[in-house]
N, C-alpha and C. Protein backbone atom coordinates (compact mmCIF):
# COMPACT_ATOMS: atom_id res chain seq x y z
N MET A 1 0.72 -1.13 -0.03
CA MET A 1 0.14 0.26 -0.06
C MET A 1 1.00 1.30 0.16
N ARG A 2 0.84 2.27 -0.89
CA ARG A 2 0.92 3.47 -0.92
C ARG A 2 0.54 4.13 -0.04
N VAL A 3 0.73 5.36 0.51
CA VAL A 3 0.23 6.18 1.19
C VAL A 3 1.12 7.74 0.89
N ILE A 4 0.00 8.69 0.21
CA ILE A 4 0.60 9.83 -0.15
C ILE A 4 0.34 10.67 1.42
N PHE A 5 1.64 11.46 1.25
CA PHE A 5 1.60 12.35 2.51
C PHE A 5 1.60 14.07 2.34
N PRO A 6 0.53 14.33 3.16
CA PRO A 6 -0.12 16.02 2.55
C PRO A 6 1.06 17.11 2.53
N THR A 7 2.44 16.40 3.32
CA THR A 7 3.72 17.68 3.23
C THR A 7 3.87 17.82 2.06
N GLY A 8 3.40 16.64 1.12
CA GLY A 8 3.86 17.06 -0.33
C GLY A 8 5.46 16.39 -0.44
N ASP A 9 6.22 16.07 0.63
CA ASP A 9 7.58 15.70 0.75
C ASP A 9 7.93 14.34 0.71
N ASN A 10 8.01 13.92 -0.69
CA ASN A 10 8.14 12.49 -1.38
C ASN A 10 9.22 12.00 -0.61
N VAL A 11 10.59 12.36 -0.33
CA VAL A 11 11.82 11.74 0.57
C VAL A 11 11.15 11.38 1.65
N GLU A 12 10.81 12.13 2.60
CA GLU A 12 9.88 11.73 3.42
C GLU A 12 9.29 10.31 3.43
N ALA A 13 8.39 10.42 2.71
CA ALA A 13 7.13 9.61 2.31
C ALA A 13 7.98 8.45 1.88
N GLU A 14 8.87 8.56 0.96
CA GLU A 14 9.47 6.91 0.45
C GLU A 14 10.53 6.32 1.70
N LEU A 15 11.29 7.13 2.73
CA LEU A 15 12.01 6.69 3.64
C LEU A 15 11.16 5.91 4.63
N ALA A 16 9.45 6.54 4.91
CA ALA A 16 8.67 6.07 5.76
C ALA A 16 8.26 4.97 5.30
N GLN A 17 7.93 4.63 3.86
CA GLN A 17 7.18 3.41 3.53
C GLN A 17 8.48 2.74 3.49
N LYS A 18 9.92 2.99 3.08
CA LYS A 18 10.69 1.73 3.14
C LYS A 18 10.86 1.41 4.96
N LEU A 19 10.82 2.30 5.89
CA LEU A 19 10.97 1.94 7.05
C LEU A 19 9.82 0.77 7.81
N VAL A 20 8.72 1.33 7.56
CA VAL A 20 7.75 0.08 7.80
C VAL A 20 7.79 -0.96 6.90
N GLY A 21 7.97 -0.94 5.79
CA GLY A 21 8.30 -2.22 4.95
C GLY A 21 9.49 -2.81 5.63
N GLY A 22 10.62 -2.66 5.99
CA GLY A 22 11.28 -3.49 6.76
C GLY A 22 10.98 -3.53 7.91
N LEU A 23 10.41 -3.33 9.03
CA LEU A 23 9.82 -3.73 9.84
C LEU A 23 8.92 -4.67 9.79
N LYS A 24 8.07 -4.71 8.61
CA LYS A 24 7.21 -5.70 8.22
C LYS A 24 8.15 -7.04 7.82
N GLN A 25 8.86 -6.83 7.10
CA GLN A 25 9.62 -7.94 6.30
C GLN A 25 10.74 -8.52 7.39
N ALA A 26 11.10 -7.73 8.35
CA ALA A 26 11.84 -8.30 9.73
C ALA A 26 10.87 -9.22 10.93
N GLY A 27 9.64 -8.87 10.70
CA GLY A 27 8.63 -9.55 11.39
C GLY A 27 8.32 -9.16 12.50
N ILE A 28 8.25 -7.85 12.45
CA ILE A 28 7.53 -6.99 13.67
C ILE A 28 6.35 -6.86 13.79
N ASP A 29 5.63 -7.05 14.75
CA ASP A 29 3.99 -7.05 14.64
C ASP A 29 3.40 -6.39 15.56
N LEU A 30 4.19 -6.04 16.50
CA LEU A 30 3.86 -4.56 17.70
C LEU A 30 4.79 -3.66 17.74
N VAL A 31 4.00 -2.38 17.59
CA VAL A 31 4.74 -1.40 18.36
C VAL A 31 4.36 -0.49 19.39
N THR A 32 5.21 -0.47 20.17
CA THR A 32 4.72 0.68 21.13
C THR A 32 5.53 2.06 20.50
N TYR A 33 4.74 3.26 20.88
CA TYR A 33 5.24 4.47 20.84
C TYR A 33 4.73 5.78 21.48
N LEU A 34 5.61 6.71 21.30
CA LEU A 34 5.35 8.02 21.73
C LEU A 34 5.27 8.70 20.96
N PRO A 35 4.53 9.52 20.45
CA PRO A 35 4.70 10.13 18.86
C PRO A 35 5.88 11.32 18.84
N GLU A 36 6.84 11.54 18.06
CA GLU A 36 7.56 13.00 18.00
C GLU A 36 7.35 13.05 16.47
N THR A 37 8.34 14.14 16.16
CA THR A 37 8.40 14.96 14.72
C THR A 37 9.00 14.17 13.65
N ARG A 38 9.98 13.60 14.12
CA ARG A 38 11.15 13.41 13.00
C ARG A 38 10.68 12.22 12.02
N LEU A 39 10.56 11.35 12.76
CA LEU A 39 9.70 9.70 11.74
C LEU A 39 8.39 9.84 11.90
N SER A 40 7.68 10.65 12.39
CA SER A 40 6.18 10.73 12.50
C SER A 40 4.94 10.10 11.40
N GLN A 41 5.67 10.27 10.16
CA GLN A 41 5.44 9.63 8.93
C GLN A 41 5.14 8.39 8.95
N ILE A 42 5.53 7.85 9.64
CA ILE A 42 5.15 6.07 9.78
C ILE A 42 4.33 5.90 9.94
N LEU A 43 3.54 6.70 11.12
CA LEU A 43 2.77 6.20 11.78
C LEU A 43 1.14 6.18 11.03
N PRO A 44 0.79 6.80 10.01
CA PRO A 44 -0.52 6.60 9.04
C PRO A 44 -0.19 4.92 8.56
N LEU A 45 1.12 4.72 7.97
CA LEU A 45 1.60 3.46 7.41
C LEU A 45 1.42 2.43 8.36
N LEU A 46 1.75 2.66 9.53
CA LEU A 46 1.70 1.46 10.22
C LEU A 46 -0.09 1.47 10.72
N ARG A 47 -0.48 2.20 10.80
CA ARG A 47 -2.13 2.15 11.41
C ARG A 47 -2.98 1.85 10.13
N ALA A 48 -2.35 1.69 8.69
CA ALA A 48 -3.08 1.12 7.78
C ALA A 48 -2.85 -0.26 7.24
N ASP A 49 -1.74 -0.95 7.87
CA ASP A 49 -1.22 -1.98 7.95
C ASP A 49 -1.98 -2.91 9.22
N PRO A 50 -2.65 -4.00 8.60
CA PRO A 50 -3.57 -4.87 9.56
C PRO A 50 -2.30 -5.74 10.15
N SER A 51 -1.16 -5.81 9.62
CA SER A 51 0.02 -6.84 10.47
C SER A 51 0.85 -6.31 11.71
N PHE A 52 0.27 -4.78 12.02
CA PHE A 52 0.87 -4.47 13.08
C PHE A 52 -0.39 -3.86 13.85
N THR A 53 0.05 -4.36 15.27
CA THR A 53 -0.58 -3.79 16.47
C THR A 53 -0.06 -2.55 16.90
N LEU A 54 -0.58 -1.41 17.22
CA LEU A 54 -0.12 -0.26 17.60
C LEU A 54 -0.43 0.39 18.91
N VAL A 55 0.45 0.63 20.02
CA VAL A 55 0.05 0.87 21.16
C VAL A 55 0.67 2.05 21.56
N PRO A 56 0.03 2.98 21.77
CA PRO A 56 0.44 4.56 22.04
C PRO A 56 0.60 4.67 23.58
N VAL A 57 1.58 5.62 24.27
CA VAL A 57 1.79 5.49 25.32
C VAL A 57 2.00 6.95 25.75
N ALA A 58 1.94 7.07 27.19
CA ALA A 58 2.31 8.37 27.56
C ALA A 58 3.20 8.72 27.74
N SER A 59 4.38 7.63 28.31
CA SER A 59 5.85 7.81 28.43
C SER A 59 6.62 6.72 27.68
N GLU A 60 7.55 6.89 27.34
CA GLU A 60 8.83 5.91 26.87
C GLU A 60 9.26 4.81 27.65
N SER A 61 9.04 5.15 28.96
CA SER A 61 9.22 3.90 30.09
C SER A 61 8.34 3.03 29.87
N GLU A 62 6.70 3.35 29.69
CA GLU A 62 5.79 2.50 29.59
C GLU A 62 5.82 2.23 28.16
N ALA A 63 6.40 2.53 27.39
CA ALA A 63 6.40 1.87 26.15
C ALA A 63 7.52 0.65 26.22
N VAL A 64 8.51 0.41 26.88
CA VAL A 64 9.71 -0.39 26.96
C VAL A 64 8.92 -1.62 27.81
N THR A 65 8.28 -0.97 29.06
CA THR A 65 7.46 -2.34 30.02
C THR A 65 6.25 -3.00 29.13
N ILE A 66 5.56 -1.81 28.46
CA ILE A 66 4.50 -3.01 27.37
C ILE A 66 5.13 -3.60 26.41
N GLY A 67 6.21 -3.06 25.67
CA GLY A 67 6.96 -3.92 24.94
C GLY A 67 7.56 -5.18 25.28
N ALA A 68 8.24 -5.19 26.59
CA ALA A 68 8.77 -5.94 27.20
C ALA A 68 7.97 -7.51 27.12
N GLY A 69 6.70 -6.99 28.10
CA GLY A 69 5.45 -7.91 28.54
C GLY A 69 5.10 -8.41 26.86
N ALA A 70 4.41 -7.69 26.07
CA ALA A 70 4.48 -8.52 24.69
C ALA A 70 5.77 -9.25 24.29
N ALA A 71 6.61 -8.95 24.36
CA ALA A 71 7.73 -9.71 23.57
C ALA A 71 7.89 -11.11 24.74
N LEU A 72 7.75 -11.02 25.63
CA LEU A 72 7.86 -12.38 26.75
C LEU A 72 6.61 -13.10 26.36
N THR A 73 5.53 -12.68 25.19
CA THR A 73 4.56 -13.77 24.90
C THR A 73 4.71 -14.13 23.82
N GLY A 74 5.56 -13.64 22.92
CA GLY A 74 5.88 -13.97 21.40
C GLY A 74 5.85 -13.17 20.40
N LYS A 75 5.28 -11.95 20.73
CA LYS A 75 5.48 -10.60 20.02
C LYS A 75 6.72 -10.79 19.23
N GLN A 76 7.07 -9.64 18.14
CA GLN A 76 7.96 -9.50 17.89
C GLN A 76 8.03 -7.55 17.69
N VAL A 77 8.50 -7.24 18.72
CA VAL A 77 8.41 -5.89 19.01
C VAL A 77 9.62 -4.61 18.76
N ALA A 78 9.12 -3.51 18.38
CA ALA A 78 9.63 -2.45 17.86
C ALA A 78 9.22 -1.59 19.16
N ILE A 79 10.21 -0.39 19.48
CA ILE A 79 9.67 0.55 20.17
C ILE A 79 10.09 1.95 19.49
N TYR A 80 9.16 3.04 19.26
CA TYR A 80 9.60 3.86 18.26
C TYR A 80 9.58 4.85 19.34
N MET A 81 10.38 6.22 19.44
CA MET A 81 10.82 7.07 20.41
C MET A 81 11.71 7.97 19.89
N GLU A 82 12.04 9.07 20.51
CA GLU A 82 12.93 10.32 19.58
C GLU A 82 13.76 9.83 21.03
N CYS A 83 15.51 10.19 20.72
CA CYS A 83 16.30 9.97 21.69
C CYS A 83 16.27 10.84 23.25
N THR A 84 15.33 11.62 23.04
CA THR A 84 15.39 11.98 24.56
C THR A 84 14.34 10.81 25.28
N GLY A 85 13.64 10.33 24.65
CA GLY A 85 12.80 9.32 25.43
C GLY A 85 13.79 8.04 25.99
N LEU A 86 15.13 8.04 25.40
CA LEU A 86 15.90 6.82 25.83
C LEU A 86 16.28 7.23 27.57
N TYR A 87 16.59 8.75 27.80
CA TYR A 87 16.84 9.06 28.94
C TYR A 87 15.44 8.64 30.14
N VAL A 88 14.31 9.04 29.46
CA VAL A 88 13.36 8.45 30.13
C VAL A 88 13.06 7.02 30.55
N SER A 89 13.34 6.57 29.54
CA SER A 89 13.53 4.91 29.68
C SER A 89 14.51 4.00 30.47
N CYS A 90 15.47 4.56 30.43
CA CYS A 90 16.80 3.72 31.15
C CYS A 90 16.58 3.02 32.37
N TYR A 91 15.91 2.95 33.30
CA TYR A 91 15.86 2.24 34.07
C TYR A 91 14.77 0.99 33.80
N THR A 92 13.84 1.13 33.13
CA THR A 92 13.16 0.06 32.36
C THR A 92 13.91 -0.53 31.61
N LEU A 93 14.77 -0.04 30.62
CA LEU A 93 15.62 -1.07 29.97
C LEU A 93 16.63 -1.76 30.78
N VAL A 94 17.22 -1.13 31.81
CA VAL A 94 17.92 -2.32 32.65
C VAL A 94 17.29 -3.10 33.48
N SER A 95 16.49 -2.80 34.17
CA SER A 95 15.81 -3.10 35.25
C SER A 95 14.52 -4.59 34.92
N ILE A 96 14.42 -4.15 33.62
CA ILE A 96 13.22 -5.45 32.79
C ILE A 96 14.03 -5.85 31.51
N ALA A 97 14.14 -5.18 30.41
CA ALA A 97 14.90 -5.76 29.53
C ALA A 97 16.10 -6.41 29.38
N ARG A 98 17.04 -5.51 30.50
CA ARG A 98 18.27 -6.46 30.48
C ARG A 98 18.13 -7.70 31.37
N ARG A 99 17.67 -7.58 32.20
CA ARG A 99 17.65 -8.38 33.62
C ARG A 99 16.85 -9.54 32.74
N TYR A 100 15.94 -9.58 32.34
CA TYR A 100 15.20 -10.65 31.63
C TYR A 100 15.45 -11.22 30.28
N GLY A 101 16.38 -10.60 29.38
CA GLY A 101 16.89 -10.66 28.57
C GLY A 101 15.52 -10.75 27.25
N VAL A 102 15.18 -9.42 26.99
CA VAL A 102 14.07 -9.36 26.36
C VAL A 102 14.30 -8.58 25.17
N PRO A 103 14.15 -9.19 23.99
CA PRO A 103 14.54 -8.61 22.63
C PRO A 103 13.71 -7.71 22.18
N LEU A 104 13.91 -6.50 22.04
CA LEU A 104 13.46 -5.43 21.58
C LEU A 104 13.97 -4.50 20.38
N LEU A 105 13.22 -3.95 19.79
CA LEU A 105 14.10 -3.25 18.56
C LEU A 105 13.66 -1.69 19.07
N LEU A 106 14.62 -0.77 19.15
CA LEU A 106 14.39 0.67 19.66
C LEU A 106 14.55 1.54 18.28
N VAL A 107 13.74 2.02 17.73
CA VAL A 107 13.74 2.95 16.73
C VAL A 107 13.73 4.38 17.01
N VAL A 108 14.51 4.97 16.90
CA VAL A 108 15.02 6.01 17.74
C VAL A 108 15.37 6.99 17.22
N ALA A 109 14.58 8.05 16.64
CA ALA A 109 14.82 9.79 16.23
C ALA A 109 16.09 10.30 17.11
N TYR A 110 16.95 10.46 16.14
CA TYR A 110 18.20 11.23 16.70
C TYR A 110 18.24 12.72 16.76
N LEU A 111 17.05 13.32 17.46
CA LEU A 111 17.12 14.74 17.59
C LEU A 111 18.17 15.12 18.22
N GLY A 112 18.63 16.24 17.66
CA GLY A 112 20.02 17.05 18.07
C GLY A 112 21.18 16.87 17.36
N GLY A 113 21.03 15.87 16.61
CA GLY A 113 22.22 15.65 15.86
C GLY A 113 22.85 16.33 14.73
N MET A 114 23.91 16.34 14.31
CA MET A 114 24.22 17.92 13.15
C MET A 114 23.63 17.42 12.32
N ALA A 115 22.93 16.57 12.17
CA ALA A 115 22.13 16.30 10.42
C ALA A 115 20.87 16.63 10.77
N ASP A 116 20.09 17.21 11.77
CA ASP A 116 19.01 17.43 11.95
C ASP A 116 18.77 18.90 11.67
N GLN A 117 18.09 19.18 10.73
CA GLN A 117 18.08 20.47 10.42
C GLN A 117 16.40 21.07 11.31
N ARG A 118 15.84 20.71 12.29
CA ARG A 118 15.29 21.55 12.94
C ARG A 118 15.78 21.42 14.21
N ASN A 119 17.24 21.20 14.42
CA ASN A 119 17.64 21.50 15.69
C ASN A 119 17.70 22.83 16.12
N ASN A 120 18.05 22.91 17.41
CA ASN A 120 17.83 24.15 18.31
C ASN A 120 18.31 23.83 19.76
N SER A 121 18.69 24.78 20.76
CA SER A 121 19.27 24.58 21.88
C SER A 121 18.70 23.61 22.82
N VAL A 122 17.02 23.38 22.44
CA VAL A 122 16.77 22.23 23.55
C VAL A 122 17.22 20.89 22.83
N TYR A 123 17.47 20.54 21.43
CA TYR A 123 17.54 19.17 21.19
C TYR A 123 19.27 19.49 20.97
N ALA A 124 20.00 20.07 20.80
CA ALA A 124 21.34 19.77 20.73
C ALA A 124 22.04 19.48 21.92
N VAL A 125 21.73 19.56 22.97
CA VAL A 125 22.48 19.14 24.05
C VAL A 125 22.29 17.81 24.45
N SER A 126 20.83 17.73 24.41
CA SER A 126 20.67 16.37 24.52
C SER A 126 20.88 14.93 23.28
N GLY A 127 20.89 15.49 22.74
CA GLY A 127 21.23 14.80 21.28
C GLY A 127 22.86 14.43 21.75
N THR A 128 23.54 15.01 21.92
CA THR A 128 25.01 14.96 21.94
C THR A 128 25.38 13.77 23.10
N TYR A 129 24.67 13.33 24.03
CA TYR A 129 24.54 12.60 25.08
C TYR A 129 23.87 10.99 24.61
N ILE A 130 23.36 11.13 23.35
CA ILE A 130 22.67 9.75 23.20
C ILE A 130 23.59 8.71 22.48
N GLU A 131 24.72 8.75 22.08
CA GLU A 131 25.53 7.68 21.87
C GLU A 131 26.33 6.89 22.84
N PRO A 132 27.09 8.23 23.99
CA PRO A 132 27.51 7.67 25.24
C PRO A 132 26.51 6.85 25.92
N LEU A 133 25.42 7.59 25.81
CA LEU A 133 24.01 6.64 26.90
C LEU A 133 24.07 5.14 26.20
N LEU A 134 23.53 5.19 24.93
CA LEU A 134 23.91 3.87 24.54
C LEU A 134 24.70 2.93 25.13
N GLU A 135 25.65 3.50 24.85
CA GLU A 135 27.32 2.60 25.42
C GLU A 135 26.90 2.33 26.81
N ALA A 136 26.70 3.48 27.68
CA ALA A 136 26.64 3.03 28.64
C ALA A 136 25.73 2.01 29.55
N LEU A 137 24.54 1.97 28.55
CA LEU A 137 23.62 0.96 28.60
C LEU A 137 23.95 -0.47 28.10
N GLN A 138 25.15 -0.74 27.59
CA GLN A 138 25.57 -1.44 26.79
C GLN A 138 24.36 -2.32 25.47
N ILE A 139 23.87 -1.19 25.04
CA ILE A 139 22.78 -1.62 24.25
C ILE A 139 23.64 -1.10 22.81
N GLN A 140 23.87 -2.45 21.94
CA GLN A 140 24.28 -2.05 20.71
C GLN A 140 23.26 -1.62 19.66
N PHE A 141 23.91 -0.72 19.10
CA PHE A 141 23.26 0.16 18.32
C PHE A 141 23.79 0.77 17.12
N GLN A 142 23.14 0.93 15.68
CA GLN A 142 23.46 1.41 14.58
C GLN A 142 23.04 2.90 14.35
N ILE A 143 23.75 3.77 13.79
CA ILE A 143 23.03 5.31 13.25
C ILE A 143 22.98 4.77 11.69
N ILE A 144 21.47 5.21 11.57
CA ILE A 144 21.16 5.05 10.13
C ILE A 144 21.06 6.42 9.38
N LYS A 145 21.94 6.74 8.48
CA LYS A 145 21.62 8.17 8.20
C LYS A 145 21.03 8.07 6.21
N SER A 146 20.64 7.20 5.79
CA SER A 146 19.96 6.70 4.43
C SER A 146 18.94 5.67 4.52
N GLY A 147 18.22 5.63 3.40
CA GLY A 147 17.37 4.73 3.35
C GLY A 147 18.26 3.58 2.35
N GLU A 148 19.60 3.59 2.00
CA GLU A 148 19.97 2.61 1.17
C GLU A 148 19.94 1.61 1.55
N ARG A 149 20.35 0.98 2.68
CA ARG A 149 20.33 -0.36 3.29
C ARG A 149 19.08 -0.63 4.29
N LEU A 150 18.33 0.31 4.25
CA LEU A 150 17.37 0.53 5.27
C LEU A 150 16.68 -1.14 5.70
N GLU A 151 16.29 -1.79 4.66
CA GLU A 151 15.39 -2.96 5.10
C GLU A 151 16.45 -4.14 5.48
N THR A 152 17.47 -4.01 4.69
CA THR A 152 18.80 -4.99 5.33
C THR A 152 18.85 -4.94 6.57
N ASP A 153 19.02 -3.21 7.05
CA ASP A 153 19.58 -2.77 8.40
C ASP A 153 18.81 -3.45 9.57
N ILE A 154 16.84 -3.37 8.85
CA ILE A 154 16.36 -3.76 10.18
C ILE A 154 16.46 -4.98 10.31
N GLN A 155 16.40 -5.94 9.29
CA GLN A 155 16.42 -7.09 9.65
C GLN A 155 17.71 -7.88 10.00
N ASP A 156 18.48 -6.95 10.00
CA ASP A 156 20.10 -7.42 10.90
C ASP A 156 19.94 -7.12 12.29
N ALA A 157 19.41 -6.37 12.55
CA ALA A 157 19.09 -5.45 13.95
C ALA A 157 18.29 -6.53 15.11
N VAL A 158 17.02 -6.75 13.84
CA VAL A 158 15.85 -8.10 14.57
C VAL A 158 16.83 -9.29 14.69
N ARG A 159 17.25 -9.64 13.93
CA ARG A 159 18.25 -10.84 13.99
C ARG A 159 19.03 -10.63 15.02
N HIS A 160 19.91 -9.87 15.16
CA HIS A 160 21.05 -9.68 16.33
C HIS A 160 20.10 -9.49 17.68
N MET A 161 19.13 -8.61 17.89
CA MET A 161 18.47 -8.65 19.02
C MET A 161 17.72 -10.10 19.65
N HIS A 162 17.76 -10.74 18.74
CA HIS A 162 17.28 -12.22 19.47
C HIS A 162 18.38 -13.07 19.30
N ALA A 163 19.68 -12.89 18.75
CA ALA A 163 20.71 -13.73 18.91
C ALA A 163 20.95 -13.18 20.28
N LEU A 164 21.05 -11.94 20.76
CA LEU A 164 21.42 -11.14 22.12
C LEU A 164 20.29 -11.56 23.12
N LYS A 165 19.12 -11.80 22.78
CA LYS A 165 18.51 -11.43 23.67
C LYS A 165 18.09 -10.20 24.82
N LEU A 166 18.49 -9.35 24.01
CA LEU A 166 18.40 -7.57 24.58
C LEU A 166 18.06 -6.85 23.68
N PRO A 167 17.79 -5.67 24.05
CA PRO A 167 17.16 -4.78 23.09
C PRO A 167 18.30 -4.43 22.10
N VAL A 168 18.33 -3.72 20.96
CA VAL A 168 19.13 -3.23 20.22
C VAL A 168 18.64 -1.81 19.33
N ALA A 169 19.12 -0.85 18.94
CA ALA A 169 19.08 0.21 18.34
C ALA A 169 19.12 0.77 17.30
N LEU A 170 18.05 1.11 16.36
CA LEU A 170 18.35 1.86 15.01
C LEU A 170 18.11 3.18 15.65
N VAL A 171 19.28 4.37 15.25
CA VAL A 171 18.73 5.75 15.59
C VAL A 171 19.30 6.10 14.30
N PHE A 172 17.75 6.99 14.10
CA PHE A 172 17.80 7.67 12.67
C PHE A 172 18.16 8.89 12.54
N SER A 173 19.17 9.39 11.96
CA SER A 173 19.51 10.40 11.37
C SER A 173 19.68 11.00 10.09
N GLY A 174 20.56 11.78 9.80
CA GLY A 174 20.78 12.34 8.34
C GLY A 174 19.39 12.24 7.47
N ASP A 175 19.19 11.74 6.32
CA ASP A 175 18.01 11.82 5.62
C ASP A 175 16.73 12.40 6.53
N PHE A 176 16.30 11.10 7.27
CA PHE A 176 15.75 11.09 8.17
C PHE A 176 15.28 12.20 9.33
N THR A 177 16.37 13.12 9.41
CA THR A 177 15.86 14.07 10.35
C THR A 177 16.28 15.80 9.23
N ARG A 178 15.86 15.43 8.27
CA ARG A 178 16.03 16.72 7.01
C ARG A 178 14.51 17.18 7.03
């Protein structure tokens, strides 16, 4: 299914379609999320596809808790958030996901990165800490800057999260934040 976005921005629409297609190909069937602006074009596509169950939340920590519970029952879970949501979900990622070995795919918009065209003083500082934070949490991650190998990158990340039995993160920058 092809969805046309009212913004008329074909690059964003194409990347959103590739991202959702990659999640589907990788077997993701449940997405918890707190909406944000950089990747929000994926939401209409996820809603339109009956193979996804969507769970909106009020907090990224809640998204991790719900996602972990669903993953423990056999769901293939992605958690969509902006990078500041990682700060909010640190305790839950460590106390539940790491402790119990729960594979989760973190789909993270890299707010405040150098490529973020909507960057400002609110986001720039928090963006500088995202990579060190993921390293401190011992979460394997990859920065995705273009849609060139997106479907393959998503499949690799899902396979890796299952091999590790831990959360892994795909952090979207570059073309995704323009």
